[in-house]
mmCIF file of all heavy atoms, coordinates in Angstrom:
data_MODEL
# 
_entry.id   MODEL 
# 
loop_
_atom_site.group_PDB 
_atom_site.id 
_atom_site.type_symbol 
_atom_site.label_atom_id 
_atom_site.label_alt_id 
_atom_site.label_comp_id 
_atom_site.label_asym_id 
_atom_site.label_entity_id 
_atom_site.label_seq_id 
_atom_site.pdbx_PDB_ins_code 
_atom_site.Cartn_x 
_atom_site.Cartn_y 
_atom_site.Cartn_z 
_atom_site.occupancy 
_atom_site.B_iso_or_equiv 
_atom_site.pdbx_formal_charge 
_atom_site.auth_seq_id 
_atom_site.auth_comp_id 
_atom_site.auth_asym_id 
_atom_site.auth_atom_id 
_atom_site.pdbx_PDB_model_num 
ATOM 1   N N   . ASP A 1 1  ? 88.149  42.780 0.279   1.00 0.00 ? 1  ASP A N   1 
ATOM 2   C CA  . ASP A 1 1  ? 88.491  41.781 1.263   1.00 0.00 ? 1  ASP A CA  1 
ATOM 3   C C   . ASP A 1 1  ? 88.987  40.475 0.595   1.00 0.00 ? 1  ASP A C   1 
ATOM 4   O O   . ASP A 1 1  ? 89.919  39.849 1.068   1.00 0.00 ? 1  ASP A O   1 
ATOM 5   C CB  . ASP A 1 1  ? 87.241  41.409 2.086   1.00 0.00 ? 1  ASP A CB  1 
ATOM 6   C CG  . ASP A 1 1  ? 86.561  42.676 2.605   1.00 0.00 ? 1  ASP A CG  1 
ATOM 7   O OD1 . ASP A 1 1  ? 87.233  43.483 3.255   1.00 0.00 ? 1  ASP A OD1 1 
ATOM 8   O OD2 . ASP A 1 1  ? 85.348  42.826 2.358   1.00 0.00 ? 1  ASP A OD2 1 
ATOM 9   N N   . ILE A 1 2  ? 88.337  40.087 -0.486  1.00 0.00 ? 2  ILE A N   1 
ATOM 10  C CA  . ILE A 1 2  ? 88.578  38.811 -1.122  1.00 0.00 ? 2  ILE A CA  1 
ATOM 11  C C   . ILE A 1 2  ? 88.960  39.045 -2.594  1.00 0.00 ? 2  ILE A C   1 
ATOM 12  O O   . ILE A 1 2  ? 88.421  39.936 -3.239  1.00 0.00 ? 2  ILE A O   1 
ATOM 13  C CB  . ILE A 1 2  ? 87.316  37.913 -1.073  1.00 0.00 ? 2  ILE A CB  1 
ATOM 14  C CG1 . ILE A 1 2  ? 86.890  37.660 0.348   1.00 0.00 ? 2  ILE A CG1 1 
ATOM 15  C CG2 . ILE A 1 2  ? 87.512  36.624 -1.829  1.00 0.00 ? 2  ILE A CG2 1 
ATOM 16  C CD1 . ILE A 1 2  ? 87.813  36.825 1.168   1.00 0.00 ? 2  ILE A CD1 1 
ATOM 17  N N   . THR A 1 3  ? 89.888  38.231 -3.088  1.00 0.00 ? 3  THR A N   1 
ATOM 18  C CA  . THR A 1 3  ? 90.233  38.250 -4.521  1.00 0.00 ? 3  THR A CA  1 
ATOM 19  C C   . THR A 1 3  ? 89.948  36.891 -5.101  1.00 0.00 ? 3  THR A C   1 
ATOM 20  O O   . THR A 1 3  ? 90.373  35.876 -4.574  1.00 0.00 ? 3  THR A O   1 
ATOM 21  C CB  . THR A 1 3  ? 91.720  38.596 -4.718  1.00 0.00 ? 3  THR A CB  1 
ATOM 22  O OG1 . THR A 1 3  ? 92.016  39.863 -4.122  1.00 0.00 ? 3  THR A OG1 1 
ATOM 23  C CG2 . THR A 1 3  ? 92.060  38.645 -6.199  1.00 0.00 ? 3  THR A CG2 1 
ATOM 24  N N   . GLU A 1 4  ? 89.186  36.885 -6.187  1.00 0.00 ? 4  GLU A N   1 
ATOM 25  C CA  . GLU A 1 4  ? 88.895  35.659 -6.905  1.00 0.00 ? 4  GLU A CA  1 
ATOM 26  C C   . GLU A 1 4  ? 89.873  35.575 -8.065  1.00 0.00 ? 4  GLU A C   1 
ATOM 27  O O   . GLU A 1 4  ? 90.077  36.555 -8.803  1.00 0.00 ? 4  GLU A O   1 
ATOM 28  C CB  . GLU A 1 4  ? 87.472  35.654 -7.439  1.00 0.00 ? 4  GLU A CB  1 
ATOM 29  C CG  . GLU A 1 4  ? 87.125  34.431 -8.259  1.00 0.00 ? 4  GLU A CG  1 
ATOM 30  C CD  . GLU A 1 4  ? 85.736  34.502 -8.856  1.00 0.00 ? 4  GLU A CD  1 
ATOM 31  O OE1 . GLU A 1 4  ? 85.016  35.488 -8.662  1.00 0.00 ? 4  GLU A OE1 1 
ATOM 32  O OE2 . GLU A 1 4  ? 85.392  33.532 -9.566  1.00 0.00 ? 4  GLU A OE2 1 
ATOM 33  N N   . LEU A 1 5  ? 90.548  34.403 -8.218  1.00 0.00 ? 5  LEU A N   1 
ATOM 34  C CA  . LEU A 1 5  ? 91.443  34.199 -9.306  1.00 0.00 ? 5  LEU A CA  1 
ATOM 35  C C   . LEU A 1 5  ? 90.950  33.033 -10.156 1.00 0.00 ? 5  LEU A C   1 
ATOM 36  O O   . LEU A 1 5  ? 90.536  32.010 -9.612  1.00 0.00 ? 5  LEU A O   1 
ATOM 37  C CB  . LEU A 1 5  ? 92.846  33.836 -8.788  1.00 0.00 ? 5  LEU A CB  1 
ATOM 38  C CG  . LEU A 1 5  ? 93.589  34.851 -7.962  1.00 0.00 ? 5  LEU A CG  1 
ATOM 39  C CD1 . LEU A 1 5  ? 94.878  34.246 -7.430  1.00 0.00 ? 5  LEU A CD1 1 
ATOM 40  C CD2 . LEU A 1 5  ? 93.903  36.093 -8.771  1.00 0.00 ? 5  LEU A CD2 1 
ATOM 41  N N   . LYS A 1 6  ? 91.003  33.238 -11.463 1.00 0.00 ? 6  LYS A N   1 
ATOM 42  C CA  . LYS A 1 6  ? 90.727  32.149 -12.387 1.00 0.00 ? 6  LYS A CA  1 
ATOM 43  C C   . LYS A 1 6  ? 91.961  32.050 -13.294 1.00 0.00 ? 6  LYS A C   1 
ATOM 44  O O   . LYS A 1 6  ? 92.409  33.067 -13.830 1.00 0.00 ? 6  LYS A O   1 
ATOM 45  C CB  . LYS A 1 6  ? 89.453  32.412 -13.212 1.00 0.00 ? 6  LYS A CB  1 
ATOM 46  C CG  . LYS A 1 6  ? 88.195  32.440 -12.395 1.00 0.00 ? 6  LYS A CG  1 
ATOM 47  C CD  . LYS A 1 6  ? 86.981  32.688 -13.248 1.00 0.00 ? 6  LYS A CD  1 
ATOM 48  C CE  . LYS A 1 6  ? 85.716  32.752 -12.409 1.00 0.00 ? 6  LYS A CE  1 
ATOM 49  N NZ  . LYS A 1 6  ? 84.526  32.971 -13.240 1.00 0.00 ? 6  LYS A NZ  1 
ATOM 50  N N   . ILE A 1 7  ? 92.460  30.838 -13.429 1.00 0.00 ? 7  ILE A N   1 
ATOM 51  C CA  . ILE A 1 7  ? 93.712  30.661 -14.165 1.00 0.00 ? 7  ILE A CA  1 
ATOM 52  C C   . ILE A 1 7  ? 93.739  29.292 -14.831 1.00 0.00 ? 7  ILE A C   1 
ATOM 53  O O   . ILE A 1 7  ? 93.083  28.367 -14.420 1.00 0.00 ? 7  ILE A O   1 
ATOM 54  C CB  . ILE A 1 7  ? 94.907  30.861 -13.196 1.00 0.00 ? 7  ILE A CB  1 
ATOM 55  C CG1 . ILE A 1 7  ? 96.234  30.922 -13.954 1.00 0.00 ? 7  ILE A CG1 1 
ATOM 56  C CG2 . ILE A 1 7  ? 94.917  29.817 -12.101 1.00 0.00 ? 7  ILE A CG2 1 
ATOM 57  C CD1 . ILE A 1 7  ? 97.378  31.430 -13.107 1.00 0.00 ? 7  ILE A CD1 1 
ATOM 58  N N   . GLY A 1 8  ? 94.537  29.236 -15.889 1.00 0.00 ? 8  GLY A N   1 
ATOM 59  C CA  . GLY A 1 8  ? 94.743  27.956 -16.613 1.00 0.00 ? 8  GLY A CA  1 
ATOM 60  C C   . GLY A 1 8  ? 96.128  27.991 -17.213 1.00 0.00 ? 8  GLY A C   1 
ATOM 61  O O   . GLY A 1 8  ? 96.831  29.006 -17.199 1.00 0.00 ? 8  GLY A O   1 
ATOM 62  N N   . ASP A 1 9  ? 96.542  26.853 -17.743 1.00 0.00 ? 9  ASP A N   1 
ATOM 63  C CA  . ASP A 1 9  ? 97.865  26.763 -18.400 1.00 0.00 ? 9  ASP A CA  1 
ATOM 64  C C   . ASP A 1 9  ? 97.965  27.734 -19.545 1.00 0.00 ? 9  ASP A C   1 
ATOM 65  O O   . ASP A 1 9  ? 97.120  27.700 -20.455 1.00 0.00 ? 9  ASP A O   1 
ATOM 66  C CB  . ASP A 1 9  ? 98.123  25.327 -18.907 1.00 0.00 ? 9  ASP A CB  1 
ATOM 67  C CG  . ASP A 1 9  ? 98.477  24.370 -17.801 1.00 0.00 ? 9  ASP A CG  1 
ATOM 68  O OD1 . ASP A 1 9  ? 99.153  24.787 -16.831 1.00 0.00 ? 9  ASP A OD1 1 
ATOM 69  O OD2 . ASP A 1 9  ? 98.081  23.195 -17.871 1.00 0.00 ? 9  ASP A OD2 1 
ATOM 70  N N   . THR A 1 10 ? 98.958  28.582 -19.485 1.00 0.00 ? 10 THR A N   1 
ATOM 71  C CA  . THR A 1 10 ? 99.254  29.612 -20.519 1.00 0.00 ? 10 THR A CA  1 
ATOM 72  C C   . THR A 1 10 ? 97.993  30.357 -20.966 1.00 0.00 ? 10 THR A C   1 
ATOM 73  O O   . THR A 1 10 ? 97.885  30.735 -22.137 1.00 0.00 ? 10 THR A O   1 
ATOM 74  C CB  . THR A 1 10 ? 99.969  28.987 -21.747 1.00 0.00 ? 10 THR A CB  1 
ATOM 75  O OG1 . THR A 1 10 ? 99.127  28.026 -22.363 1.00 0.00 ? 10 THR A OG1 1 
ATOM 76  C CG2 . THR A 1 10 ? 101.277 28.321 -21.353 1.00 0.00 ? 10 THR A CG2 1 
ATOM 77  N N   . MET A 1 11 ? 97.085  30.578 -20.034 1.00 0.00 ? 11 MET A N   1 
ATOM 78  C CA  . MET A 1 11 ? 95.868  31.344 -20.305 1.00 0.00 ? 11 MET A CA  1 
ATOM 79  C C   . MET A 1 11 ? 96.000  32.705 -19.623 1.00 0.00 ? 11 MET A C   1 
ATOM 80  O O   . MET A 1 11 ? 96.830  32.893 -18.726 1.00 0.00 ? 11 MET A O   1 
ATOM 81  C CB  . MET A 1 11 ? 94.645  30.634 -19.731 1.00 0.00 ? 11 MET A CB  1 
ATOM 82  C CG  . MET A 1 11 ? 94.254  29.349 -20.427 1.00 0.00 ? 11 MET A CG  1 
ATOM 83  S SD  . MET A 1 11 ? 92.822  28.574 -19.612 1.00 0.00 ? 11 MET A SD  1 
ATOM 84  C CE  . MET A 1 11 ? 91.510  29.721 -20.071 1.00 0.00 ? 11 MET A CE  1 
ATOM 85  N N   . PRO A 1 12 ? 95.146  33.650 -20.004 1.00 0.00 ? 12 PRO A N   1 
ATOM 86  C CA  . PRO A 1 12 ? 95.115  34.889 -19.212 1.00 0.00 ? 12 PRO A CA  1 
ATOM 87  C C   . PRO A 1 12 ? 94.704  34.571 -17.771 1.00 0.00 ? 12 PRO A C   1 
ATOM 88  O O   . PRO A 1 12 ? 94.172  33.486 -17.490 1.00 0.00 ? 12 PRO A O   1 
ATOM 89  C CB  . PRO A 1 12 ? 93.996  35.712 -19.900 1.00 0.00 ? 12 PRO A CB  1 
ATOM 90  C CG  . PRO A 1 12 ? 93.842  35.105 -21.244 1.00 0.00 ? 12 PRO A CG  1 
ATOM 91  C CD  . PRO A 1 12 ? 94.205  33.659 -21.128 1.00 0.00 ? 12 PRO A CD  1 
ATOM 92  N N   . ILE A 1 13 ? 94.970  35.514 -16.878 1.00 0.00 ? 13 ILE A N   1 
ATOM 93  C CA  . ILE A 1 13 ? 94.532  35.355 -15.515 1.00 0.00 ? 13 ILE A CA  1 
ATOM 94  C C   . ILE A 1 13 ? 93.372  36.336 -15.305 1.00 0.00 ? 13 ILE A C   1 
ATOM 95  O O   . ILE A 1 13 ? 93.442  37.487 -15.738 1.00 0.00 ? 13 ILE A O   1 
ATOM 96  C CB  . ILE A 1 13 ? 95.664  35.619 -14.488 1.00 0.00 ? 13 ILE A CB  1 
ATOM 97  C CG1 . ILE A 1 13 ? 95.203  35.280 -13.059 1.00 0.00 ? 13 ILE A CG1 1 
ATOM 98  C CG2 . ILE A 1 13 ? 96.227  37.021 -14.582 1.00 0.00 ? 13 ILE A CG2 1 
ATOM 99  C CD1 . ILE A 1 13 ? 96.319  35.248 -12.032 1.00 0.00 ? 13 ILE A CD1 1 
ATOM 100 N N   . PHE A 1 14 ? 92.332  35.857 -14.684 1.00 0.00 ? 14 PHE A N   1 
ATOM 101 C CA  . PHE A 1 14 ? 91.160  36.684 -14.345 1.00 0.00 ? 14 PHE A CA  1 
ATOM 102 C C   . PHE A 1 14 ? 91.289  36.999 -12.868 1.00 0.00 ? 14 PHE A C   1 
ATOM 103 O O   . PHE A 1 14 ? 91.420  36.121 -12.042 1.00 0.00 ? 14 PHE A O   1 
ATOM 104 C CB  . PHE A 1 14 ? 89.878  35.902 -14.645 1.00 0.00 ? 14 PHE A CB  1 
ATOM 105 C CG  . PHE A 1 14 ? 88.630  36.601 -14.175 1.00 0.00 ? 14 PHE A CG  1 
ATOM 106 C CD1 . PHE A 1 14 ? 88.047  37.568 -14.972 1.00 0.00 ? 14 PHE A CD1 1 
ATOM 107 C CD2 . PHE A 1 14 ? 88.041  36.291 -12.962 1.00 0.00 ? 14 PHE A CD2 1 
ATOM 108 C CE1 . PHE A 1 14 ? 86.872  38.218 -14.554 1.00 0.00 ? 14 PHE A CE1 1 
ATOM 109 C CE2 . PHE A 1 14 ? 86.889  36.916 -12.521 1.00 0.00 ? 14 PHE A CE2 1 
ATOM 110 C CZ  . PHE A 1 14 ? 86.299  37.893 -13.329 1.00 0.00 ? 14 PHE A CZ  1 
ATOM 111 N N   . ILE A 1 15 ? 91.291  38.283 -12.543 1.00 0.00 ? 15 ILE A N   1 
ATOM 112 C CA  . ILE A 1 15 ? 91.413  38.734 -11.166 1.00 0.00 ? 15 ILE A CA  1 
ATOM 113 C C   . ILE A 1 15 ? 90.186  39.586 -10.851 1.00 0.00 ? 15 ILE A C   1 
ATOM 114 O O   . ILE A 1 15 ? 89.905  40.581 -11.534 1.00 0.00 ? 15 ILE A O   1 
ATOM 115 C CB  . ILE A 1 15 ? 92.703  39.589 -10.971 1.00 0.00 ? 15 ILE A CB  1 
ATOM 116 C CG1 . ILE A 1 15 ? 93.933  38.776 -11.370 1.00 0.00 ? 15 ILE A CG1 1 
ATOM 117 C CG2 . ILE A 1 15 ? 92.810  40.082 -9.522  1.00 0.00 ? 15 ILE A CG2 1 
ATOM 118 C CD1 . ILE A 1 15 ? 95.210  39.579 -11.418 1.00 0.00 ? 15 ILE A CD1 1 
ATOM 119 N N   . LYS A 1 16 ? 89.458  39.182 -9.835  1.00 0.00 ? 16 LYS A N   1 
ATOM 120 C CA  . LYS A 1 16 ? 88.233  39.893 -9.425  1.00 0.00 ? 16 LYS A CA  1 
ATOM 121 C C   . LYS A 1 16 ? 88.365  40.246 -7.948  1.00 0.00 ? 16 LYS A C   1 
ATOM 122 O O   . LYS A 1 16 ? 88.455  39.367 -7.110  1.00 0.00 ? 16 LYS A O   1 
ATOM 123 C CB  . LYS A 1 16 ? 87.014  39.033 -9.657  1.00 0.00 ? 16 LYS A CB  1 
ATOM 124 C CG  . LYS A 1 16 ? 85.713  39.740 -9.320  1.00 0.00 ? 16 LYS A CG  1 
ATOM 125 C CD  . LYS A 1 16 ? 84.527  38.841 -9.643  1.00 0.00 ? 16 LYS A CD  1 
ATOM 126 C CE  . LYS A 1 16 ? 83.196  39.506 -9.392  1.00 0.00 ? 16 LYS A CE  1 
ATOM 127 N NZ  . LYS A 1 16 ? 82.075  38.638 -9.742  1.00 0.00 ? 16 LYS A NZ  1 
ATOM 128 N N   . PHE A 1 17 ? 88.386  41.545 -7.658  1.00 0.00 ? 17 PHE A N   1 
ATOM 129 C CA  . PHE A 1 17 ? 88.427  42.012 -6.274  1.00 0.00 ? 17 PHE A CA  1 
ATOM 130 C C   . PHE A 1 17 ? 86.989  42.182 -5.800  1.00 0.00 ? 17 PHE A C   1 
ATOM 131 O O   . PHE A 1 17 ? 86.205  42.883 -6.442  1.00 0.00 ? 17 PHE A O   1 
ATOM 132 C CB  . PHE A 1 17 ? 89.163  43.345 -6.180  1.00 0.00 ? 17 PHE A CB  1 
ATOM 133 C CG  . PHE A 1 17 ? 90.604  43.243 -6.628  1.00 0.00 ? 17 PHE A CG  1 
ATOM 134 C CD1 . PHE A 1 17 ? 91.014  43.767 -7.845  1.00 0.00 ? 17 PHE A CD1 1 
ATOM 135 C CD2 . PHE A 1 17 ? 91.550  42.626 -5.828  1.00 0.00 ? 17 PHE A CD2 1 
ATOM 136 C CE1 . PHE A 1 17 ? 92.330  43.668 -8.268  1.00 0.00 ? 17 PHE A CE1 1 
ATOM 137 C CE2 . PHE A 1 17 ? 92.848  42.507 -6.235  1.00 0.00 ? 17 PHE A CE2 1 
ATOM 138 C CZ  . PHE A 1 17 ? 93.261  43.041 -7.445  1.00 0.00 ? 17 PHE A CZ  1 
ATOM 139 N N   . ILE A 1 18 ? 86.673  41.546 -4.685  1.00 0.00 ? 18 ILE A N   1 
ATOM 140 C CA  . ILE A 1 18 ? 85.292  41.529 -4.187  1.00 0.00 ? 18 ILE A CA  1 
ATOM 141 C C   . ILE A 1 18 ? 85.205  42.184 -2.826  1.00 0.00 ? 18 ILE A C   1 
ATOM 142 O O   . ILE A 1 18 ? 85.896  41.777 -1.906  1.00 0.00 ? 18 ILE A O   1 
ATOM 143 C CB  . ILE A 1 18 ? 84.802  40.065 -4.088  1.00 0.00 ? 18 ILE A CB  1 
ATOM 144 C CG1 . ILE A 1 18 ? 84.923  39.351 -5.412  1.00 0.00 ? 18 ILE A CG1 1 
ATOM 145 C CG2 . ILE A 1 18 ? 83.363  40.015 -3.586  1.00 0.00 ? 18 ILE A CG2 1 
ATOM 146 C CD1 . ILE A 1 18 ? 84.790  37.825 -5.328  1.00 0.00 ? 18 ILE A CD1 1 
ATOM 147 N N   . SER A 1 19 ? 84.394  43.218 -2.712  1.00 0.00 ? 19 SER A N   1 
ATOM 148 C CA  . SER A 1 19 ? 84.162  43.864 -1.441  1.00 0.00 ? 19 SER A CA  1 
ATOM 149 C C   . SER A 1 19 ? 82.861  43.326 -0.868  1.00 0.00 ? 19 SER A C   1 
ATOM 150 O O   . SER A 1 19 ? 81.789  43.584 -1.388  1.00 0.00 ? 19 SER A O   1 
ATOM 151 C CB  . SER A 1 19 ? 84.095  45.382 -1.587  1.00 0.00 ? 19 SER A CB  1 
ATOM 152 O OG  . SER A 1 19 ? 83.778  45.954 -0.327  1.00 0.00 ? 19 SER A OG  1 
ATOM 153 N N   . VAL A 1 20 ? 82.972  42.536 0.194   1.00 0.00 ? 20 VAL A N   1 
ATOM 154 C CA  . VAL A 1 20 ? 81.808  41.898 0.802   1.00 0.00 ? 20 VAL A CA  1 
ATOM 155 C C   . VAL A 1 20 ? 80.911  42.959 1.444   1.00 0.00 ? 20 VAL A C   1 
ATOM 156 O O   . VAL A 1 20 ? 79.698  42.974 1.242   1.00 0.00 ? 20 VAL A O   1 
ATOM 157 C CB  . VAL A 1 20 ? 82.246  40.862 1.821   1.00 0.00 ? 20 VAL A CB  1 
ATOM 158 C CG1 . VAL A 1 20 ? 81.040  40.240 2.491   1.00 0.00 ? 20 VAL A CG1 1 
ATOM 159 C CG2 . VAL A 1 20 ? 83.084  39.781 1.157   1.00 0.00 ? 20 VAL A CG2 1 
ATOM 160 N N   . ALA A 1 21 ? 81.500  43.874 2.201   1.00 0.00 ? 21 ALA A N   1 
ATOM 161 C CA  . ALA A 1 21 ? 80.709  44.860 2.951   1.00 0.00 ? 21 ALA A CA  1 
ATOM 162 C C   . ALA A 1 21 ? 80.071  45.909 2.059   1.00 0.00 ? 21 ALA A C   1 
ATOM 163 O O   . ALA A 1 21 ? 78.962  46.378 2.308   1.00 0.00 ? 21 ALA A O   1 
ATOM 164 C CB  . ALA A 1 21 ? 81.582  45.551 3.987   1.00 0.00 ? 21 ALA A CB  1 
ATOM 165 N N   . GLU A 1 22 ? 80.739  46.300 0.994   1.00 0.00 ? 22 GLU A N   1 
ATOM 166 C CA  . GLU A 1 22 ? 80.250  47.398 0.134   1.00 0.00 ? 22 GLU A CA  1 
ATOM 167 C C   . GLU A 1 22 ? 79.474  46.944 -1.083  1.00 0.00 ? 22 GLU A C   1 
ATOM 168 O O   . GLU A 1 22 ? 78.992  47.757 -1.834  1.00 0.00 ? 22 GLU A O   1 
ATOM 169 C CB  . GLU A 1 22 ? 81.425  48.269 -0.295  1.00 0.00 ? 22 GLU A CB  1 
ATOM 170 C CG  . GLU A 1 22 ? 82.228  48.864 0.846   1.00 0.00 ? 22 GLU A CG  1 
ATOM 171 C CD  . GLU A 1 22 ? 81.436  49.847 1.704   1.00 0.00 ? 22 GLU A CD  1 
ATOM 172 O OE1 . GLU A 1 22 ? 80.573  50.551 1.148   1.00 0.00 ? 22 GLU A OE1 1 
ATOM 173 O OE2 . GLU A 1 22 ? 81.669  49.869 2.898   1.00 0.00 ? 22 GLU A OE2 1 
ATOM 174 N N   . ASP A 1 23 ? 79.426  45.633 -1.344  1.00 0.00 ? 23 ASP A N   1 
ATOM 175 C CA  . ASP A 1 23 ? 78.646  45.079 -2.451  1.00 0.00 ? 23 ASP A CA  1 
ATOM 176 C C   . ASP A 1 23 ? 79.095  45.626 -3.813  1.00 0.00 ? 23 ASP A C   1 
ATOM 177 O O   . ASP A 1 23 ? 78.279  46.104 -4.568  1.00 0.00 ? 23 ASP A O   1 
ATOM 178 C CB  . ASP A 1 23 ? 77.150  45.308 -2.216  1.00 0.00 ? 23 ASP A CB  1 
ATOM 179 C CG  . ASP A 1 23 ? 76.306  44.440 -3.148  1.00 0.00 ? 23 ASP A CG  1 
ATOM 180 O OD1 . ASP A 1 23 ? 76.767  43.362 -3.529  1.00 0.00 ? 23 ASP A OD1 1 
ATOM 181 O OD2 . ASP A 1 23 ? 75.205  44.891 -3.504  1.00 0.00 ? 23 ASP A OD2 1 
ATOM 182 N N   . TYR A 1 24 ? 80.414  45.567 -4.086  1.00 0.00 ? 24 TYR A N   1 
ATOM 183 C CA  . TYR A 1 24 ? 80.892  45.904 -5.415  1.00 0.00 ? 24 TYR A CA  1 
ATOM 184 C C   . TYR A 1 24 ? 82.065  45.010 -5.732  1.00 0.00 ? 24 TYR A C   1 
ATOM 185 O O   . TYR A 1 24 ? 82.620  44.308 -4.867  1.00 0.00 ? 24 TYR A O   1 
ATOM 186 C CB  . TYR A 1 24 ? 81.314  47.387 -5.515  1.00 0.00 ? 24 TYR A CB  1 
ATOM 187 C CG  . TYR A 1 24 ? 82.537  47.748 -4.673  1.00 0.00 ? 24 TYR A CG  1 
ATOM 188 C CD1 . TYR A 1 24 ? 83.835  47.580 -5.186  1.00 0.00 ? 24 TYR A CD1 1 
ATOM 189 C CD2 . TYR A 1 24 ? 82.382  48.236 -3.382  1.00 0.00 ? 24 TYR A CD2 1 
ATOM 190 C CE1 . TYR A 1 24 ? 84.930  47.887 -4.417  1.00 0.00 ? 24 TYR A CE1 1 
ATOM 191 C CE2 . TYR A 1 24 ? 83.484  48.564 -2.625  1.00 0.00 ? 24 TYR A CE2 1 
ATOM 192 C CZ  . TYR A 1 24 ? 84.757  48.376 -3.143  1.00 0.00 ? 24 TYR A CZ  1 
ATOM 193 O OH  . TYR A 1 24 ? 85.845  48.703 -2.376  1.00 0.00 ? 24 TYR A OH  1 
# 
């Protein structure tokens, strides 16, 4: 349902897919 993004200038991007209903 939700995607968490963490980002910075010329840094890697962290992408976390979060399922609220299924808890994973």
